[in-house]
Amino acid sequence: MKRTIILYSLVLLLLPLSGCLTWNAKIDDMRSVYKEPDNSGSPRIIVTDLSDKRKDTELVGRIAALNLATETPVNVIITNRIASKLKYAGFNIKKIDTNGKTKSELAVEIKRNDAKMLLTGSMDYFFIESMDAILETAKGRASFCLEILDEQGKPLFSKTYTVYTEKHIGLGGGYGSEELIKETIDKAVKEAFEDIDFQKFLLLHKK
């Protein structure tokens, strides 16, 4: 076991000399939720992807010399998982591209799609890292803002959520790192839906 750890550490030391490798995590983006049939008589929420405001929009982490990315952008994954939760909570959802639109233009989109409100926001931070997968626990942090607008494009709800995760990757490499990415995404979405303020807001506007 000791010999294996030494060999693994040597590999990690040599990787920077040959250029960092990138692991593309395959995480279910749940895009299929938008194809599900409507909940009869339920209000509709327009969903738009959280704008990605991270400094590095390509990577979601680094474990030793291994760069980490996701096949689907992490802001899109989190948006879709939020939409899935809203669907499960009894709302109808529809996703549209609102890139570059003003709030007045967003209000037009809400009315055009016969919706009650629009969910938007920003992905401000998402990264997991560890300098040594064997000796150091990898730590993750995710931070995003949810904003919900009414039919006039005025804010009804706005709040930022931040979560922290950690996991010992060990010899798990990319697969172990992928698990931590999933855990961080799941915890971030769970944080919003366990928030009392957000729960009260959804309950009030579900009527």
N, C-alpha and C. Protein backbone atom coordinates (compact mmCIF):
# COMPACT_ATOMS: atom_id res chain seq x y z
N MET A 1 0.83 -1.20 0.00
CA MET A 1 0.00 0.00 0.00
C MET A 1 0.87 1.26 0.00
N LYS A 2 1.92 1.23 0.83
CA LYS A 2 2.82 2.37 0.91
C LYS A 2 3.49 2.63 -0.43
N ARG A 3 3.88 1.52 -1.11
CA ARG A 3 4.53 1.65 -2.41
C ARG A 3 3.57 2.25 -3.44
N THR A 4 2.29 1.84 -3.37
CA THR A 4 1.28 2.36 -4.29
C THR A 4 1.11 3.86 -4.11
N ILE A 5 1.07 4.29 -2.85
CA ILE A 5 0.91 5.72 -2.55
C ILE A 5 2.09 6.52 -3.08
N ILE A 6 3.30 5.98 -2.92
CA ILE A 6 4.51 6.67 -3.40
C ILE A 6 4.47 6.80 -4.91
N LEU A 7 4.09 5.71 -5.61
CA LEU A 7 4.01 5.74 -7.08
C LEU A 7 2.96 6.73 -7.55
N TYR A 8 1.81 6.75 -6.85
CA TYR A 8 0.72 7.68 -7.23
C TYR A 8 1.17 9.12 -7.05
N SER A 9 1.90 9.38 -5.95
CA SER A 9 2.38 10.73 -5.69
C SER A 9 3.39 11.17 -6.75
N LEU A 10 4.24 10.22 -7.21
CA LEU A 10 5.21 10.54 -8.25
C LEU A 10 4.51 10.91 -9.56
N VAL A 11 3.43 10.18 -9.86
CA VAL A 11 2.66 10.48 -11.07
C VAL A 11 2.10 11.89 -11.00
N LEU A 12 1.57 12.27 -9.84
CA LEU A 12 0.99 13.61 -9.68
C LEU A 12 2.06 14.69 -9.78
N LEU A 13 3.26 14.37 -9.36
CA LEU A 13 4.36 15.34 -9.46
C LEU A 13 4.82 15.50 -10.89
N LEU A 14 4.76 14.42 -11.67
CA LEU A 14 5.22 14.47 -13.05
C LEU A 14 4.20 15.07 -14.01
N LEU A 15 2.92 15.02 -13.65
CA LEU A 15 1.87 15.55 -14.53
C LEU A 15 2.07 17.00 -14.91
N PRO A 16 2.45 17.90 -13.96
CA PRO A 16 2.64 19.29 -14.34
C PRO A 16 3.72 19.49 -15.39
N LEU A 17 4.67 18.57 -15.43
CA LEU A 17 5.77 18.69 -16.39
C LEU A 17 5.29 18.39 -17.81
N SER A 18 4.25 17.58 -17.90
CA SER A 18 3.75 17.20 -19.22
C SER A 18 2.45 17.92 -19.58
N GLY A 19 2.04 18.84 -18.69
CA GLY A 19 0.79 19.56 -18.91
C GLY A 19 -0.35 18.93 -18.13
N CYS A 20 -1.22 19.75 -17.56
CA CYS A 20 -2.32 19.25 -16.75
C CYS A 20 -3.34 18.50 -17.60
N LEU A 21 -3.86 17.43 -17.04
CA LEU A 21 -4.94 16.70 -17.69
C LEU A 21 -6.28 17.26 -17.21
N THR A 22 -7.33 17.07 -18.00
CA THR A 22 -8.66 17.54 -17.61
C THR A 22 -9.63 16.38 -17.61
N TRP A 23 -10.35 16.24 -16.51
CA TRP A 23 -11.38 15.22 -16.38
C TRP A 23 -12.74 15.88 -16.63
N ASN A 24 -13.46 15.42 -17.65
CA ASN A 24 -14.78 15.95 -17.95
C ASN A 24 -15.85 15.08 -17.28
N ALA A 25 -16.40 15.60 -16.20
CA ALA A 25 -17.38 14.85 -15.43
C ALA A 25 -18.71 14.74 -16.18
N LYS A 26 -19.24 13.53 -16.25
CA LYS A 26 -20.53 13.30 -16.90
C LYS A 26 -21.63 13.29 -15.84
N ILE A 27 -22.27 14.43 -15.69
CA ILE A 27 -23.30 14.59 -14.66
C ILE A 27 -24.65 14.82 -15.32
N ASP A 28 -25.65 14.09 -14.87
CA ASP A 28 -26.99 14.21 -15.44
C ASP A 28 -27.46 15.66 -15.33
N ASP A 29 -27.73 16.30 -16.47
CA ASP A 29 -28.14 17.70 -16.45
C ASP A 29 -29.66 17.87 -16.33
N MET A 30 -30.39 16.76 -16.33
CA MET A 30 -31.84 16.77 -16.12
C MET A 30 -32.60 17.66 -17.10
N ARG A 31 -32.10 17.79 -18.31
CA ARG A 31 -32.79 18.63 -19.30
C ARG A 31 -34.13 18.05 -19.70
N SER A 32 -34.33 16.76 -19.46
CA SER A 32 -35.57 16.10 -19.85
C SER A 32 -36.78 16.62 -19.07
N VAL A 33 -36.53 17.32 -17.95
CA VAL A 33 -37.65 17.82 -17.13
C VAL A 33 -38.55 18.76 -17.91
N TYR A 34 -37.98 19.46 -18.90
CA TYR A 34 -38.77 20.43 -19.66
C TYR A 34 -39.72 19.77 -20.67
N LYS A 35 -39.55 18.46 -20.87
CA LYS A 35 -40.42 17.73 -21.79
C LYS A 35 -41.56 17.03 -21.07
N GLU A 36 -41.56 17.11 -19.75
CA GLU A 36 -42.61 16.44 -18.98
C GLU A 36 -43.94 17.19 -19.13
N PRO A 37 -45.06 16.47 -19.09
CA PRO A 37 -46.37 17.12 -19.23
C PRO A 37 -46.66 18.09 -18.07
N ASP A 38 -47.49 19.09 -18.37
CA ASP A 38 -47.83 20.09 -17.36
C ASP A 38 -48.65 19.50 -16.21
N ASN A 39 -48.53 20.14 -15.05
CA ASN A 39 -49.39 19.84 -13.92
C ASN A 39 -50.69 20.63 -14.13
N SER A 40 -51.79 19.96 -14.22
CA SER A 40 -53.07 20.60 -14.53
C SER A 40 -53.43 21.69 -13.53
N GLY A 41 -53.71 22.91 -14.06
CA GLY A 41 -54.17 24.01 -13.23
C GLY A 41 -53.10 24.69 -12.39
N SER A 42 -51.84 24.33 -12.59
CA SER A 42 -50.76 24.90 -11.79
C SER A 42 -50.14 26.12 -12.47
N PRO A 43 -49.63 27.08 -11.68
CA PRO A 43 -48.99 28.27 -12.27
C PRO A 43 -47.69 27.91 -12.99
N ARG A 44 -47.36 28.70 -14.02
CA ARG A 44 -46.17 28.45 -14.80
C ARG A 44 -45.04 29.40 -14.39
N ILE A 45 -43.84 28.85 -14.29
CA ILE A 45 -42.65 29.64 -14.02
C ILE A 45 -41.71 29.54 -15.23
N ILE A 46 -41.31 30.68 -15.76
CA ILE A 46 -40.31 30.69 -16.82
C ILE A 46 -38.94 30.56 -16.17
N VAL A 47 -38.12 29.68 -16.71
CA VAL A 47 -36.78 29.44 -16.17
C VAL A 47 -35.73 29.85 -17.19
N THR A 48 -34.73 30.55 -16.72
CA THR A 48 -33.60 30.89 -17.58
C THR A 48 -32.31 30.51 -16.86
N ASP A 49 -31.30 30.07 -17.60
CA ASP A 49 -30.06 29.62 -16.98
C ASP A 49 -29.45 30.69 -16.08
N LEU A 50 -28.94 30.26 -14.93
CA LEU A 50 -28.18 31.17 -14.09
C LEU A 50 -27.01 31.71 -14.90
N SER A 51 -26.80 33.00 -14.90
CA SER A 51 -25.66 33.56 -15.64
C SER A 51 -24.38 33.15 -14.92
N ASP A 52 -23.40 32.74 -15.69
CA ASP A 52 -22.14 32.24 -15.12
C ASP A 52 -21.18 33.39 -14.90
N LYS A 53 -21.02 33.79 -13.64
CA LYS A 53 -20.15 34.91 -13.30
C LYS A 53 -18.83 34.47 -12.68
N ARG A 54 -18.52 33.19 -12.78
CA ARG A 54 -17.25 32.69 -12.25
C ARG A 54 -16.08 33.24 -13.07
N LYS A 55 -14.94 33.42 -12.44
CA LYS A 55 -13.76 33.92 -13.14
C LYS A 55 -13.31 32.94 -14.22
N ASP A 56 -13.36 31.66 -13.90
CA ASP A 56 -13.01 30.62 -14.86
C ASP A 56 -14.27 29.81 -15.13
N THR A 57 -14.87 30.01 -16.29
CA THR A 57 -16.13 29.32 -16.59
C THR A 57 -15.90 27.93 -17.20
N GLU A 58 -14.65 27.56 -17.40
CA GLU A 58 -14.34 26.26 -18.01
C GLU A 58 -14.17 25.16 -16.96
N LEU A 59 -13.49 25.48 -15.86
CA LEU A 59 -13.17 24.47 -14.86
C LEU A 59 -14.06 24.57 -13.62
N VAL A 60 -14.28 23.42 -12.99
CA VAL A 60 -15.05 23.40 -11.74
C VAL A 60 -14.18 22.93 -10.57
N GLY A 61 -12.91 22.67 -10.85
CA GLY A 61 -12.04 22.25 -9.75
C GLY A 61 -10.67 21.80 -10.22
N ARG A 62 -9.84 21.48 -9.24
CA ARG A 62 -8.50 20.96 -9.54
C ARG A 62 -8.07 20.09 -8.35
N ILE A 63 -7.74 18.84 -8.64
CA ILE A 63 -7.24 17.92 -7.63
C ILE A 63 -5.81 17.60 -8.00
N ALA A 64 -4.86 18.09 -7.20
CA ALA A 64 -3.44 17.99 -7.52
C ALA A 64 -3.21 18.58 -8.91
N ALA A 65 -2.74 17.78 -9.87
CA ALA A 65 -2.50 18.30 -11.22
C ALA A 65 -3.64 17.96 -12.19
N LEU A 66 -4.75 17.47 -11.66
CA LEU A 66 -5.88 17.09 -12.50
C LEU A 66 -6.94 18.19 -12.52
N ASN A 67 -7.12 18.80 -13.69
CA ASN A 67 -8.18 19.80 -13.84
C ASN A 67 -9.53 19.10 -13.95
N LEU A 68 -10.57 19.76 -13.44
CA LEU A 68 -11.92 19.18 -13.46
C LEU A 68 -12.88 20.09 -14.21
N ALA A 69 -13.66 19.50 -15.10
CA ALA A 69 -14.68 20.24 -15.84
C ALA A 69 -15.93 19.37 -15.90
N THR A 70 -17.03 19.95 -16.36
CA THR A 70 -18.26 19.17 -16.55
C THR A 70 -18.68 19.26 -18.01
N GLU A 71 -19.20 18.17 -18.56
CA GLU A 71 -19.60 18.16 -19.96
C GLU A 71 -20.67 19.20 -20.24
N THR A 72 -21.64 19.32 -19.32
CA THR A 72 -22.64 20.39 -19.37
C THR A 72 -22.20 21.46 -18.37
N PRO A 73 -22.21 22.75 -18.75
CA PRO A 73 -21.80 23.81 -17.82
C PRO A 73 -22.52 23.69 -16.47
N VAL A 74 -21.79 23.89 -15.40
CA VAL A 74 -22.34 23.67 -14.06
C VAL A 74 -23.51 24.61 -13.75
N ASN A 75 -23.49 25.82 -14.31
CA ASN A 75 -24.62 26.74 -14.07
C ASN A 75 -25.91 26.21 -14.70
N VAL A 76 -25.76 25.52 -15.85
CA VAL A 76 -26.92 24.92 -16.53
C VAL A 76 -27.44 23.72 -15.74
N ILE A 77 -26.53 22.90 -15.22
CA ILE A 77 -26.92 21.74 -14.42
C ILE A 77 -27.72 22.18 -13.20
N ILE A 78 -27.22 23.19 -12.50
CA ILE A 78 -27.91 23.65 -11.29
C ILE A 78 -29.26 24.27 -11.65
N THR A 79 -29.31 25.03 -12.74
CA THR A 79 -30.59 25.61 -13.19
C THR A 79 -31.61 24.51 -13.45
N ASN A 80 -31.21 23.48 -14.18
CA ASN A 80 -32.14 22.40 -14.52
C ASN A 80 -32.59 21.62 -13.29
N ARG A 81 -31.71 21.48 -12.32
CA ARG A 81 -32.09 20.76 -11.10
C ARG A 81 -33.05 21.59 -10.25
N ILE A 82 -32.88 22.89 -10.28
CA ILE A 82 -33.84 23.77 -9.61
C ILE A 82 -35.20 23.65 -10.29
N ALA A 83 -35.19 23.64 -11.63
CA ALA A 83 -36.42 23.50 -12.39
C ALA A 83 -37.11 22.17 -12.08
N SER A 84 -36.33 21.11 -11.94
CA SER A 84 -36.87 19.79 -11.63
C SER A 84 -37.55 19.81 -10.26
N LYS A 85 -36.94 20.48 -9.31
CA LYS A 85 -37.52 20.59 -7.97
C LYS A 85 -38.82 21.38 -8.00
N LEU A 86 -38.85 22.44 -8.81
CA LEU A 86 -40.07 23.25 -8.94
C LEU A 86 -41.19 22.42 -9.56
N LYS A 87 -40.82 21.61 -10.55
CA LYS A 87 -41.81 20.73 -11.19
C LYS A 87 -42.37 19.75 -10.17
N TYR A 88 -41.51 19.19 -9.37
CA TYR A 88 -41.92 18.23 -8.35
C TYR A 88 -42.79 18.91 -7.30
N ALA A 89 -42.55 20.22 -7.06
CA ALA A 89 -43.32 20.98 -6.08
C ALA A 89 -44.70 21.36 -6.61
N GLY A 90 -44.97 21.07 -7.88
CA GLY A 90 -46.29 21.31 -8.42
C GLY A 90 -46.42 22.45 -9.40
N PHE A 91 -45.32 23.11 -9.73
CA PHE A 91 -45.36 24.19 -10.71
C PHE A 91 -45.18 23.65 -12.12
N ASN A 92 -45.61 24.40 -13.10
CA ASN A 92 -45.27 24.12 -14.49
C ASN A 92 -44.07 24.97 -14.86
N ILE A 93 -43.20 24.45 -15.69
CA ILE A 93 -41.97 25.18 -16.00
C ILE A 93 -41.72 25.20 -17.50
N LYS A 94 -41.09 26.26 -17.94
CA LYS A 94 -40.67 26.38 -19.34
C LYS A 94 -39.36 27.14 -19.36
N LYS A 95 -38.40 26.61 -20.11
CA LYS A 95 -37.09 27.25 -20.18
C LYS A 95 -36.95 28.06 -21.46
N ILE A 96 -36.47 29.29 -21.33
CA ILE A 96 -36.22 30.13 -22.50
C ILE A 96 -34.85 30.79 -22.36
N ASP A 97 -34.34 31.27 -23.47
CA ASP A 97 -33.06 31.98 -23.49
C ASP A 97 -33.35 33.47 -23.35
N THR A 98 -32.89 34.07 -22.25
CA THR A 98 -33.13 35.50 -22.03
C THR A 98 -31.83 36.28 -22.06
N ASN A 99 -30.80 35.70 -22.63
CA ASN A 99 -29.48 36.33 -22.65
C ASN A 99 -29.54 37.72 -23.28
N GLY A 100 -29.09 38.73 -22.52
CA GLY A 100 -29.02 40.09 -23.04
C GLY A 100 -30.31 40.88 -22.96
N LYS A 101 -31.39 40.27 -22.48
CA LYS A 101 -32.67 40.96 -22.41
C LYS A 101 -32.76 41.86 -21.18
N THR A 102 -33.42 43.00 -21.33
CA THR A 102 -33.64 43.92 -20.21
C THR A 102 -34.80 43.38 -19.36
N LYS A 103 -35.00 43.96 -18.18
CA LYS A 103 -36.08 43.49 -17.31
C LYS A 103 -37.45 43.75 -17.94
N SER A 104 -37.57 44.82 -18.69
CA SER A 104 -38.84 45.09 -19.36
C SER A 104 -39.10 44.04 -20.45
N GLU A 105 -38.03 43.62 -21.13
CA GLU A 105 -38.16 42.57 -22.15
C GLU A 105 -38.48 41.22 -21.50
N LEU A 106 -37.93 41.01 -20.30
CA LEU A 106 -38.23 39.78 -19.57
C LEU A 106 -39.71 39.75 -19.19
N ALA A 107 -40.25 40.91 -18.82
CA ALA A 107 -41.67 41.00 -18.46
C ALA A 107 -42.54 40.60 -19.64
N VAL A 108 -42.13 40.99 -20.84
CA VAL A 108 -42.86 40.63 -22.06
C VAL A 108 -42.84 39.11 -22.24
N GLU A 109 -41.68 38.48 -21.97
CA GLU A 109 -41.55 37.03 -22.12
C GLU A 109 -42.45 36.30 -21.13
N ILE A 110 -42.57 36.84 -19.93
CA ILE A 110 -43.43 36.22 -18.91
C ILE A 110 -44.87 36.20 -19.40
N LYS A 111 -45.35 37.35 -19.89
CA LYS A 111 -46.73 37.45 -20.36
C LYS A 111 -46.94 36.61 -21.62
N ARG A 112 -45.95 36.61 -22.51
CA ARG A 112 -46.06 35.88 -23.78
C ARG A 112 -46.21 34.38 -23.54
N ASN A 113 -45.58 33.89 -22.49
CA ASN A 113 -45.62 32.46 -22.20
C ASN A 113 -46.67 32.10 -21.15
N ASP A 114 -47.57 33.05 -20.89
CA ASP A 114 -48.66 32.82 -19.95
C ASP A 114 -48.14 32.30 -18.60
N ALA A 115 -47.09 32.97 -18.11
CA ALA A 115 -46.46 32.56 -16.86
C ALA A 115 -46.77 33.54 -15.74
N LYS A 116 -46.53 33.09 -14.54
CA LYS A 116 -46.77 33.92 -13.36
C LYS A 116 -45.51 34.68 -12.97
N MET A 117 -44.35 34.10 -13.23
CA MET A 117 -43.09 34.72 -12.86
C MET A 117 -41.93 34.08 -13.61
N LEU A 118 -40.76 34.67 -13.46
CA LEU A 118 -39.54 34.19 -14.13
C LEU A 118 -38.43 33.99 -13.11
N LEU A 119 -37.78 32.83 -13.20
CA LEU A 119 -36.66 32.53 -12.31
C LEU A 119 -35.35 32.76 -13.06
N THR A 120 -34.51 33.58 -12.48
CA THR A 120 -33.20 33.86 -13.05
C THR A 120 -32.18 33.90 -11.90
N GLY A 121 -31.01 34.43 -12.16
CA GLY A 121 -30.00 34.51 -11.10
C GLY A 121 -28.60 34.37 -11.65
N SER A 122 -27.66 34.04 -10.79
CA SER A 122 -26.26 33.96 -11.22
C SER A 122 -25.52 32.87 -10.46
N MET A 123 -24.59 32.23 -11.17
CA MET A 123 -23.66 31.28 -10.56
C MET A 123 -22.39 32.06 -10.26
N ASP A 124 -22.15 32.35 -8.99
CA ASP A 124 -21.05 33.23 -8.62
C ASP A 124 -19.75 32.49 -8.32
N TYR A 125 -19.87 31.25 -7.86
CA TYR A 125 -18.66 30.49 -7.51
C TYR A 125 -18.98 29.00 -7.51
N PHE A 126 -18.05 28.20 -8.05
CA PHE A 126 -18.15 26.74 -7.94
C PHE A 126 -16.76 26.18 -8.19
N PHE A 127 -16.20 25.56 -7.16
CA PHE A 127 -14.85 25.01 -7.32
C PHE A 127 -14.57 24.01 -6.21
N ILE A 128 -13.95 22.90 -6.56
CA ILE A 128 -13.46 21.95 -5.57
C ILE A 128 -11.95 21.81 -5.79
N GLU A 129 -11.21 21.65 -4.71
CA GLU A 129 -9.75 21.59 -4.88
C GLU A 129 -9.05 20.87 -3.74
N SER A 130 -7.90 20.35 -4.09
CA SER A 130 -6.99 19.72 -3.13
C SER A 130 -5.61 19.69 -3.76
N MET A 131 -4.60 20.06 -3.00
CA MET A 131 -3.24 20.06 -3.51
C MET A 131 -2.67 18.65 -3.59
N ASP A 132 -3.22 17.74 -2.78
CA ASP A 132 -2.72 16.36 -2.75
C ASP A 132 -3.90 15.44 -2.47
N ALA A 133 -4.30 14.64 -3.45
CA ALA A 133 -5.48 13.78 -3.30
C ALA A 133 -5.30 12.72 -2.22
N ILE A 134 -4.05 12.34 -1.93
CA ILE A 134 -3.78 11.30 -0.94
C ILE A 134 -3.76 11.88 0.48
N LEU A 135 -3.04 12.96 0.65
CA LEU A 135 -2.79 13.49 1.99
C LEU A 135 -3.75 14.60 2.41
N GLU A 136 -4.48 15.17 1.47
CA GLU A 136 -5.30 16.33 1.79
C GLU A 136 -6.75 16.11 1.35
N THR A 137 -7.68 16.40 2.24
CA THR A 137 -9.10 16.30 1.91
C THR A 137 -9.47 17.38 0.90
N ALA A 138 -10.19 16.97 -0.14
CA ALA A 138 -10.64 17.94 -1.14
C ALA A 138 -11.83 18.72 -0.58
N LYS A 139 -11.85 20.02 -0.85
CA LYS A 139 -12.93 20.86 -0.34
C LYS A 139 -13.62 21.58 -1.49
N GLY A 140 -14.93 21.66 -1.39
CA GLY A 140 -15.72 22.32 -2.43
C GLY A 140 -16.52 23.48 -1.88
N ARG A 141 -16.80 24.43 -2.74
CA ARG A 141 -17.66 25.56 -2.36
C ARG A 141 -18.47 25.98 -3.58
N ALA A 142 -19.75 26.22 -3.35
CA ALA A 142 -20.63 26.71 -4.41
C ALA A 142 -21.44 27.87 -3.88
N SER A 143 -21.60 28.89 -4.71
CA SER A 143 -22.38 30.06 -4.32
C SER A 143 -23.18 30.54 -5.53
N PHE A 144 -24.48 30.71 -5.34
CA PHE A 144 -25.32 31.19 -6.44
C PHE A 144 -26.46 32.05 -5.89
N CYS A 145 -26.96 32.91 -6.74
CA CYS A 145 -28.05 33.81 -6.37
C CYS A 145 -29.30 33.45 -7.18
N LEU A 146 -30.43 33.35 -6.49
CA LEU A 146 -31.71 33.14 -7.15
C LEU A 146 -32.49 34.44 -7.13
N GLU A 147 -33.06 34.80 -8.27
CA GLU A 147 -33.91 35.98 -8.35
C GLU A 147 -35.16 35.62 -9.13
N ILE A 148 -36.31 36.00 -8.58
CA ILE A 148 -37.58 35.72 -9.24
C ILE A 148 -38.29 37.04 -9.51
N LEU A 149 -38.72 37.21 -10.76
CA LEU A 149 -39.37 38.44 -11.21
C LEU A 149 -40.85 38.20 -11.46
N ASP A 150 -41.66 39.24 -11.26
CA ASP A 150 -43.09 39.12 -11.53
C ASP A 150 -43.41 39.50 -12.97
N GLU A 151 -44.71 39.63 -13.29
CA GLU A 151 -45.13 39.90 -14.67
C GLU A 151 -44.67 41.25 -15.19
N GLN A 152 -44.33 42.16 -14.26
CA GLN A 152 -43.82 43.48 -14.66
C GLN A 152 -42.29 43.54 -14.69
N GLY A 153 -41.67 42.42 -14.39
CA GLY A 153 -40.21 42.37 -14.37
C GLY A 153 -39.61 42.88 -13.07
N LYS A 154 -40.45 43.02 -12.04
CA LYS A 154 -39.97 43.51 -10.74
C LYS A 154 -39.60 42.32 -9.85
N PRO A 155 -38.53 42.48 -9.05
CA PRO A 155 -38.09 41.38 -8.19
C PRO A 155 -39.12 41.02 -7.11
N LEU A 156 -39.41 39.74 -7.02
CA LEU A 156 -40.28 39.24 -5.96
C LEU A 156 -39.47 38.55 -4.86
N PHE A 157 -38.35 37.96 -5.28
CA PHE A 157 -37.51 37.20 -4.35
C PHE A 157 -36.08 37.24 -4.83
N SER A 158 -35.16 37.41 -3.90
CA SER A 158 -33.73 37.39 -4.25
C SER A 158 -32.93 36.94 -3.03
N LYS A 159 -32.11 35.92 -3.24
CA LYS A 159 -31.30 35.44 -2.12
C LYS A 159 -30.10 34.65 -2.64
N THR A 160 -29.00 34.76 -1.93
CA THR A 160 -27.77 34.05 -2.28
C THR A 160 -27.58 32.86 -1.36
N TYR A 161 -27.18 31.75 -1.94
CA TYR A 161 -26.95 30.51 -1.19
C TYR A 161 -25.50 30.06 -1.38
N THR A 162 -24.87 29.68 -0.28
CA THR A 162 -23.48 29.21 -0.32
C THR A 162 -23.37 27.92 0.48
N VAL A 163 -22.71 26.93 -0.11
CA VAL A 163 -22.53 25.64 0.58
C VAL A 163 -21.07 25.21 0.50
N TYR A 164 -20.70 24.36 1.43
CA TYR A 164 -19.34 23.83 1.50
C TYR A 164 -19.41 22.30 1.58
N THR A 165 -18.49 21.64 0.91
CA THR A 165 -18.42 20.18 0.95
C THR A 165 -16.96 19.75 1.09
N GLU A 166 -16.77 18.50 1.46
CA GLU A 166 -15.40 17.95 1.49
C GLU A 166 -15.45 16.44 1.36
N LYS A 167 -14.36 15.91 0.82
CA LYS A 167 -14.28 14.47 0.58
C LYS A 167 -12.82 14.08 0.39
N HIS A 168 -12.45 12.93 0.93
CA HIS A 168 -11.10 12.42 0.69
C HIS A 168 -11.11 11.66 -0.63
N ILE A 169 -10.40 12.18 -1.60
CA ILE A 169 -10.40 11.57 -2.94
C ILE A 169 -9.52 10.32 -2.98
N GLY A 170 -8.35 10.40 -2.35
CA GLY A 170 -7.45 9.25 -2.32
C GLY A 170 -7.04 8.81 -3.72
N LEU A 171 -7.14 7.51 -3.98
CA LEU A 171 -6.78 6.98 -5.29
C LEU A 171 -7.97 7.00 -6.26
N GLY A 172 -9.05 7.67 -5.85
CA GLY A 172 -10.25 7.72 -6.69
C GLY A 172 -10.08 8.52 -7.95
N GLY A 173 -9.11 9.44 -7.97
CA GLY A 173 -8.83 10.23 -9.17
C GLY A 173 -10.05 10.96 -9.70
N GLY A 174 -10.27 10.86 -11.01
CA GLY A 174 -11.38 11.54 -11.65
C GLY A 174 -12.73 11.08 -11.14
N TYR A 175 -12.88 9.77 -10.91
CA TYR A 175 -14.16 9.24 -10.44
C TYR A 175 -14.50 9.77 -9.05
N GLY A 176 -13.51 9.81 -8.18
CA GLY A 176 -13.73 10.34 -6.84
C GLY A 176 -14.04 11.82 -6.86
N SER A 177 -13.36 12.54 -7.75
CA SER A 177 -13.59 13.97 -7.90
C SER A 177 -14.99 14.24 -8.43
N GLU A 178 -15.43 13.38 -9.37
CA GLU A 178 -16.77 13.52 -9.96
C GLU A 178 -17.85 13.37 -8.88
N GLU A 179 -17.62 12.47 -7.95
CA GLU A 179 -18.58 12.28 -6.86
C GLU A 179 -18.70 13.54 -6.02
N LEU A 180 -17.58 14.20 -5.77
CA LEU A 180 -17.61 15.43 -4.97
C LEU A 180 -18.29 16.56 -5.74
N ILE A 181 -18.11 16.60 -7.05
CA ILE A 181 -18.81 17.60 -7.87
C ILE A 181 -20.32 17.39 -7.73
N LYS A 182 -20.76 16.14 -7.85
CA LYS A 182 -22.18 15.81 -7.72
C LYS A 182 -22.71 16.21 -6.35
N GLU A 183 -21.95 15.88 -5.31
CA GLU A 183 -22.37 16.19 -3.95
C GLU A 183 -22.51 17.70 -3.75
N THR A 184 -21.59 18.46 -4.33
CA THR A 184 -21.62 19.91 -4.18
C THR A 184 -22.83 20.51 -4.91
N ILE A 185 -23.12 20.00 -6.10
CA ILE A 185 -24.30 20.44 -6.85
C ILE A 185 -25.57 20.12 -6.08
N ASP A 186 -25.68 18.87 -5.61
CA ASP A 186 -26.87 18.44 -4.88
C ASP A 186 -27.08 19.27 -3.60
N LYS A 187 -26.00 19.53 -2.90
CA LYS A 187 -26.11 20.28 -1.65
C LYS A 187 -26.51 21.73 -1.92
N ALA A 188 -26.01 22.30 -3.02
CA ALA A 188 -26.35 23.68 -3.36
C ALA A 188 -27.85 23.82 -3.63
N VAL A 189 -28.40 22.91 -4.44
CA VAL A 189 -29.83 22.95 -4.76
C VAL A 189 -30.67 22.68 -3.51
N LYS A 190 -30.23 21.72 -2.72
CA LYS A 190 -30.95 21.38 -1.49
C LYS A 190 -30.98 22.56 -0.53
N GLU A 191 -29.91 23.31 -0.49
CA GLU A 191 -29.83 24.47 0.40
C GLU A 191 -30.95 25.47 0.09
N ALA A 192 -31.20 25.70 -1.19
CA ALA A 192 -32.25 26.65 -1.58
C ALA A 192 -33.63 26.13 -1.19
N PHE A 193 -33.90 24.86 -1.48
CA PHE A 193 -35.24 24.33 -1.25
C PHE A 193 -35.52 23.99 0.22
N GLU A 194 -34.48 24.02 1.05
CA GLU A 194 -34.69 23.86 2.49
C GLU A 194 -34.72 25.21 3.20
N ASP A 195 -34.55 26.28 2.44
CA ASP A 195 -34.60 27.62 2.99
C ASP A 195 -36.05 27.99 3.30
N ILE A 196 -36.33 28.37 4.53
CA ILE A 196 -37.69 28.69 4.96
C ILE A 196 -38.27 29.84 4.15
N ASP A 197 -37.46 30.86 3.86
CA ASP A 197 -37.94 32.01 3.09
C ASP A 197 -38.39 31.59 1.69
N PHE A 198 -37.60 30.72 1.06
CA PHE A 198 -37.93 30.26 -0.29
C PHE A 198 -39.17 29.36 -0.26
N GLN A 199 -39.26 28.52 0.75
CA GLN A 199 -40.42 27.65 0.90
C GLN A 199 -41.70 28.47 1.06
N LYS A 200 -41.65 29.51 1.89
CA LYS A 200 -42.81 30.36 2.10
C LYS A 200 -43.19 31.09 0.82
N PHE A 201 -42.18 31.53 0.07
CA PHE A 201 -42.44 32.22 -1.19
C PHE A 201 -43.15 31.30 -2.18
N LEU A 202 -42.66 30.08 -2.33
CA LEU A 202 -43.27 29.14 -3.27
C LEU A 202 -44.69 28.78 -2.86
N LEU A 203 -44.90 28.61 -1.56
CA LEU A 203 -46.23 28.27 -1.05
C LEU A 203 -47.22 29.40 -1.33
N LEU A 204 -46.76 30.64 -1.16
CA LEU A 204 -47.61 31.81 -1.37
C LEU A 204 -48.01 31.96 -2.83
N HIS A 205 -47.09 31.65 -3.74
CA HIS A 205 -47.33 31.89 -5.18
C HIS A 205 -47.81 30.65 -5.92
N LYS A 206 -48.02 29.58 -5.19
CA LYS A 206 -48.53 28.37 -5.83
C LYS A 206 -50.06 28.43 -5.93
N LYS A 207 -50.66 29.34 -5.18
CA LYS A 207 -52.12 29.46 -5.16
C LYS A 207 -52.64 30.10 -6.45
